[in-house]
Amino acid sequence: MIITIDGVAGAGKTSLAAHLAEEYSPKMSVQVVHMDDLYDGWDDSLGESLTAKLSEIIAAHKAKAPYRTRAFDWNTGGPGDEIVIGPADLLILEGVGAGARVTRDEAVSKIWIDIEPIVGLRRVLSRDGEAIEAQMLHFMELQRAHHLQEGTRDAADFHLNGL
């Protein structure tokens, strides 16, 4: 099974994913996949590379096989530690881009968390530091365009309020 959790940065996707993983873990094997680990930096975060990785993760999940990749290292701006995704009974894909078209046919539940983008920005800067404000402002434009192009919000099964 796959659950996707999408919405703007700072909406609470990671927190919801952790809560769901805790809830389901006694019943099945669960793995949370963070989109932040799959991005190729600020400028190519929501492009073809992410789509390809999500497609490969889904194929591996369906084959009950592990998927190996390098997490993006935000401190160095390049490849980081290897991560292994699955096999697991439940994959929770969380983060901006998790609800893209490439994931929809396999997701048993697609969740969208609503929040005003400025509130999300404040949360991210409070969590990760003011030094990334310029990058986050750019990312907010990328995520807006991505969500519109993909129709992510409209495709969600559930809409939650992130406030």
C-alpha atoms as a PDB file:
ATOM      1  CA  MET A   1       0.000   0.000   0.000  1.00  0.00           C
ATOM      2  CA  ILE A   2       1.024   3.597  -0.576  1.00  0.00           C
ATOM      3  CA  ILE A   3      -0.289   6.746   1.096  1.00  0.00           C
ATOM      4  CA  THR A   4       0.725  10.170  -0.224  1.00  0.00           C
ATOM      5  CA  ILE A   5       0.745  13.362   1.839  1.00  0.00           C
ATOM      6  CA  ASP A   6       1.218  16.600  -0.089  1.00  0.00           C
ATOM      7  CA  GLY A   7       0.676  20.334   0.442  1.00  0.00           C
ATOM      8  CA  VAL A   8       2.803  23.446   0.661  1.00  0.00           C
ATOM      9  CA  ALA A   9       6.053  23.535   2.617  1.00  0.00           C
ATOM     10  CA  GLY A  10       5.442  23.857   6.345  1.00  0.00           C
ATOM     11  CA  ALA A  11       1.897  22.461   6.276  1.00  0.00           C
ATOM     12  CA  GLY A  12       2.590  19.561   8.658  1.00  0.00           C
ATOM     13  CA  LYS A  13       3.136  16.701   6.205  1.00  0.00           C
ATOM     14  CA  THR A  14       6.101  15.224   8.066  1.00  0.00           C
ATOM     15  CA  SER A  15       4.246  15.336  11.386  1.00  0.00           C
ATOM     16  CA  LEU A  16       1.207  13.592   9.921  1.00  0.00           C
ATOM     17  CA  ALA A  17       3.423  10.959   8.282  1.00  0.00           C
ATOM     18  CA  ALA A  18       5.133  10.251  11.615  1.00  0.00           C
ATOM     19  CA  HIS A  19       1.761   9.935  13.338  1.00  0.00           C
ATOM     20  CA  LEU A  20       0.435   7.537  10.685  1.00  0.00           C
ATOM     21  CA  ALA A  21       3.626   5.466  10.793  1.00  0.00           C
ATOM     22  CA  GLU A  22       3.334   5.172  14.575  1.00  0.00           C
ATOM     23  CA  GLU A  23      -0.325   4.188  14.274  1.00  0.00           C
ATOM     24  CA  TYR A  24       0.219   1.498  11.618  1.00  0.00           C
ATOM     25  CA  SER A  25       3.607   0.121  12.733  1.00  0.00           C
ATOM     26  CA  PRO A  26       2.188  -2.386  15.236  1.00  0.00           C
ATOM     27  CA  LYS A  27       0.079  -3.907  12.455  1.00  0.00           C
ATOM     28  CA  MET A  28       2.474  -3.897   9.479  1.00  0.00           C
ATOM     29  CA  SER A  29       5.887  -2.804   8.256  1.00  0.00           C
ATOM     30  CA  VAL A  30       5.863   0.908   7.485  1.00  0.00           C
ATOM     31  CA  GLN A  31       8.393   3.205   5.877  1.00  0.00           C
ATOM     32  CA  VAL A  32       8.135   6.962   5.493  1.00  0.00           C
ATOM     33  CA  VAL A  33       9.758   8.435   2.378  1.00  0.00           C
ATOM     34  CA  HIS A  34      10.574  12.150   2.625  1.00  0.00           C
ATOM     35  CA  MET A  35      10.555  14.057  -0.653  1.00  0.00           C
ATOM     36  CA  ASP A  36      13.327  16.295   0.766  1.00  0.00           C
ATOM     37  CA  ASP A  37      15.640  13.267   0.488  1.00  0.00           C
ATOM     38  CA  LEU A  38      14.705  12.755  -3.170  1.00  0.00           C
ATOM     39  CA  TYR A  39      15.031  16.315  -4.475  1.00  0.00           C
ATOM     40  CA  ASP A  40      18.077  17.359  -6.489  1.00  0.00           C
ATOM     41  CA  GLY A  41      18.558  20.631  -4.646  1.00  0.00           C
ATOM     42  CA  TRP A  42      16.579  23.835  -4.693  1.00  0.00           C
ATOM     43  CA  ASP A  43      16.391  24.406  -8.425  1.00  0.00           C
ATOM     44  CA  ASP A  44      15.590  20.865  -9.585  1.00  0.00           C
ATOM     45  CA  SER A  45      13.474  19.750  -6.697  1.00  0.00           C
ATOM     46  CA  LEU A  46      10.180  19.088  -8.458  1.00  0.00           C
ATOM     47  CA  GLY A  47      11.320  18.155 -11.946  1.00  0.00           C
ATOM     48  CA  GLU A  48      11.888  15.040 -14.007  1.00  0.00           C
ATOM     49  CA  SER A  49      14.421  13.616 -11.567  1.00  0.00           C
ATOM     50  CA  LEU A  50      11.812  13.455  -8.793  1.00  0.00           C
ATOM     51  CA  THR A  51       9.249  11.922 -11.148  1.00  0.00           C
ATOM     52  CA  ALA A  52      11.761   9.258 -12.224  1.00  0.00           C
ATOM     53  CA  LYS A  53      12.692   8.423  -8.624  1.00  0.00           C
ATOM     54  CA  LEU A  54       9.041   8.163  -7.586  1.00  0.00           C
ATOM     55  CA  SER A  55       8.347   5.872 -10.538  1.00  0.00           C
ATOM     56  CA  GLU A  56      11.297   3.665  -9.575  1.00  0.00           C
ATOM     57  CA  ILE A  57      10.246   3.600  -5.905  1.00  0.00           C
ATOM     58  CA  ILE A  58       6.726   2.522  -6.883  1.00  0.00           C
ATOM     59  CA  ALA A  59       8.057  -0.198  -9.203  1.00  0.00           C
ATOM     60  CA  ALA A  60      10.335  -1.522  -6.444  1.00  0.00           C
ATOM     61  CA  HIS A  61       7.467  -1.412  -3.939  1.00  0.00           C
ATOM     62  CA  LYS A  62       5.214  -3.392  -6.286  1.00  0.00           C
ATOM     63  CA  ALA A  63       8.018  -5.934  -6.769  1.00  0.00           C
ATOM     64  CA  LYS A  64       8.537  -6.100  -2.975  1.00  0.00           C
ATOM     65  CA  ALA A  65      12.149  -5.109  -3.541  1.00  0.00           C
ATOM     66  CA  PRO A  66      14.326  -2.466  -1.891  1.00  0.00           C
ATOM     67  CA  TYR A  67      15.083   0.762  -3.725  1.00  0.00           C
ATOM     68  CA  ARG A  68      18.461   2.361  -3.114  1.00  0.00           C
ATOM     69  CA  THR A  69      19.339   5.972  -3.742  1.00  0.00           C
ATOM     70  CA  ARG A  70      21.415   8.760  -2.255  1.00  0.00           C
ATOM     71  CA  ALA A  71      19.591  11.294  -0.113  1.00  0.00           C
ATOM     72  CA  PHE A  72      20.259  14.891  -1.079  1.00  0.00           C
ATOM     73  CA  ASP A  73      22.613  16.515   1.429  1.00  0.00           C
ATOM     74  CA  TRP A  74      21.302  20.040   1.972  1.00  0.00           C
ATOM     75  CA  ASN A  75      24.489  21.075   3.794  1.00  0.00           C
ATOM     76  CA  THR A  76      26.883  20.164   0.983  1.00  0.00           C
ATOM     77  CA  GLY A  77      24.475  20.653  -1.920  1.00  0.00           C
ATOM     78  CA  GLY A  78      25.154  17.216  -3.370  1.00  0.00           C
ATOM     79  CA  PRO A  79      24.565  13.507  -2.865  1.00  0.00           C
ATOM     80  CA  GLY A  80      24.508  12.355   0.730  1.00  0.00           C
ATOM     81  CA  ASP A  81      24.145   9.058   2.512  1.00  0.00           C
ATOM     82  CA  GLU A  82      22.567   6.072   0.849  1.00  0.00           C
ATOM     83  CA  ILE A  83      18.988   5.401   1.819  1.00  0.00           C
ATOM     84  CA  VAL A  84      17.124   2.152   1.298  1.00  0.00           C
ATOM     85  CA  ILE A  85      13.383   2.336   0.741  1.00  0.00           C
ATOM     86  CA  GLY A  86      11.359  -0.773   1.420  1.00  0.00           C
ATOM     87  CA  PRO A  87      10.304  -3.371   1.042  1.00  0.00           C
ATOM     88  CA  ALA A  88       7.466  -2.517   3.412  1.00  0.00           C
ATOM     89  CA  ASP A  89       3.756  -3.249   3.633  1.00  0.00           C
ATOM     90  CA  LEU A  90       3.021   0.485   3.693  1.00  0.00           C
ATOM     91  CA  LEU A  91       4.992   3.312   2.115  1.00  0.00           C
ATOM     92  CA  ILE A  92       4.063   6.802   3.214  1.00  0.00           C
ATOM     93  CA  LEU A  93       5.307   9.289   0.634  1.00  0.00           C
ATOM     94  CA  GLU A  94       5.365  12.715   2.246  1.00  0.00           C
ATOM     95  CA  GLY A  95       6.397  16.123   1.053  1.00  0.00           C
ATOM     96  CA  VAL A  96       5.850  18.569  -1.746  1.00  0.00           C
ATOM     97  CA  GLY A  97       5.521  16.430  -4.873  1.00  0.00           C
ATOM     98  CA  ALA A  98       4.391  13.233  -3.136  1.00  0.00           C
ATOM     99  CA  GLY A  99       0.932  13.483  -4.670  1.00  0.00           C
ATOM    100  CA  ALA A 100       2.157  13.925  -8.240  1.00  0.00           C
ATOM    101  CA  ARG A 101       0.423  12.073 -11.072  1.00  0.00           C
ATOM    102  CA  VAL A 102       3.085   9.372 -11.111  1.00  0.00           C
ATOM    103  CA  THR A 103       2.001   8.192  -7.630  1.00  0.00           C
ATOM    104  CA  ARG A 104      -1.763   8.379  -7.959  1.00  0.00           C
ATOM    105  CA  ASP A 105      -2.657   5.026  -9.489  1.00  0.00           C
ATOM    106  CA  GLU A 106      -0.834   3.165  -6.737  1.00  0.00           C
ATOM    107  CA  ALA A 107      -1.849   5.312  -3.757  1.00  0.00           C
ATOM    108  CA  VAL A 108      -4.672   3.886  -1.660  1.00  0.00           C
ATOM    109  CA  SER A 109      -5.080   7.284  -0.044  1.00  0.00           C
ATOM    110  CA  LYS A 110      -4.015  10.733  -1.249  1.00  0.00           C
ATOM    111  CA  ILE A 111      -3.936  13.413   1.446  1.00  0.00           C
ATOM    112  CA  TRP A 112      -3.611  17.164   0.902  1.00  0.00           C
ATOM    113  CA  ILE A 113      -2.888  19.498   3.812  1.00  0.00           C
ATOM    114  CA  ASP A 114      -4.159  23.049   3.331  1.00  0.00           C
ATOM    115  CA  ILE A 115      -2.319  25.989   4.827  1.00  0.00           C
ATOM    116  CA  GLU A 116      -1.643  29.548   3.761  1.00  0.00           C
ATOM    117  CA  PRO A 117       1.770  29.538   2.043  1.00  0.00           C
ATOM    118  CA  ILE A 118       3.006  32.461   4.185  1.00  0.00           C
ATOM    119  CA  VAL A 119       2.211  30.499   7.359  1.00  0.00           C
ATOM    120  CA  GLY A 120       4.103  27.521   5.942  1.00  0.00           C
ATOM    121  CA  LEU A 121       7.055  29.766   5.087  1.00  0.00           C
ATOM    122  CA  ARG A 122       7.180  31.092   8.662  1.00  0.00           C
ATOM    123  CA  ARG A 123       7.125  27.540  10.020  1.00  0.00           C
ATOM    124  CA  VAL A 124       9.937  26.409   7.707  1.00  0.00           C
ATOM    125  CA  LEU A 125      12.119  29.417   8.545  1.00  0.00           C
ATOM    126  CA  SER A 126      11.464  28.924  12.252  1.00  0.00           C
ATOM    127  CA  ARG A 127      12.460  25.260  11.944  1.00  0.00           C
ATOM    128  CA  ASP A 128      15.347  25.495   9.461  1.00  0.00           C
ATOM    129  CA  GLY A 129      16.639  29.022   9.949  1.00  0.00           C
ATOM    130  CA  GLU A 130      16.300  32.425   8.304  1.00  0.00           C
ATOM    131  CA  ALA A 131      19.384  31.755   6.139  1.00  0.00           C
ATOM    132  CA  ILE A 132      17.272  29.781   3.656  1.00  0.00           C
ATOM    133  CA  GLU A 133      14.636  32.477   3.139  1.00  0.00           C
ATOM    134  CA  ALA A 134      15.694  33.340  -0.434  1.00  0.00           C
ATOM    135  CA  GLN A 135      15.750  29.665  -1.443  1.00  0.00           C
ATOM    136  CA  MET A 136      12.375  29.066   0.211  1.00  0.00           C
ATOM    137  CA  LEU A 137      10.777  32.006  -1.588  1.00  0.00           C
ATOM    138  CA  HIS A 138      11.976  30.507  -4.875  1.00  0.00           C
ATOM    139  CA  PHE A 139      10.813  27.027  -3.817  1.00  0.00           C
ATOM    140  CA  MET A 140       7.370  28.434  -2.982  1.00  0.00           C
ATOM    141  CA  GLU A 141       7.021  29.512  -6.619  1.00  0.00           C
ATOM    142  CA  LEU A 142       8.177  26.095  -7.821  1.00  0.00           C
ATOM    143  CA  GLN A 143       5.733  24.278  -5.537  1.00  0.00           C
ATOM    144  CA  ARG A 144       2.841  26.532  -6.590  1.00  0.00           C
ATOM    145  CA  ALA A 145       3.542  25.854 -10.270  1.00  0.00           C
ATOM    146  CA  HIS A 146       4.038  22.126  -9.624  1.00  0.00           C
ATOM    147  CA  HIS A 147       0.796  21.749  -7.684  1.00  0.00           C
ATOM    148  CA  LEU A 148      -1.151  23.626 -10.358  1.00  0.00           C
ATOM    149  CA  GLN A 149       0.375  21.650 -13.222  1.00  0.00           C
ATOM    150  CA  GLU A 150      -0.147  18.321 -11.473  1.00  0.00           C
ATOM    151  CA  GLY A 151      -3.611  19.149 -10.102  1.00  0.00           C
ATOM    152  CA  THR A 152      -2.450  17.723  -6.793  1.00  0.00           C
ATOM    153  CA  ARG A 153      -4.956  19.372  -4.476  1.00  0.00           C
ATOM    154  CA  ASP A 154      -7.937  18.428  -6.632  1.00  0.00           C
ATOM    155  CA  ALA A 155      -6.759  14.818  -6.932  1.00  0.00           C
ATOM    156  CA  ALA A 156      -6.543  14.292  -3.162  1.00  0.00           C
ATOM    157  CA  ASP A 157      -8.989  11.961  -1.427  1.00  0.00           C
ATOM    158  CA  PHE A 158      -8.739  13.887   1.843  1.00  0.00           C
ATOM    159  CA  HIS A 159      -8.185  17.572   2.576  1.00  0.00           C
ATOM    160  CA  LEU A 160      -6.897  18.476   6.024  1.00  0.00           C
ATOM    161  CA  ASN A 161      -6.365  21.862   7.620  1.00  0.00           C
ATOM    162  CA  GLY A 162      -2.722  22.358   8.615  1.00  0.00           C
ATOM    163  CA  LEU A 163      -3.428  25.165  11.075  1.00  0.00           C
END
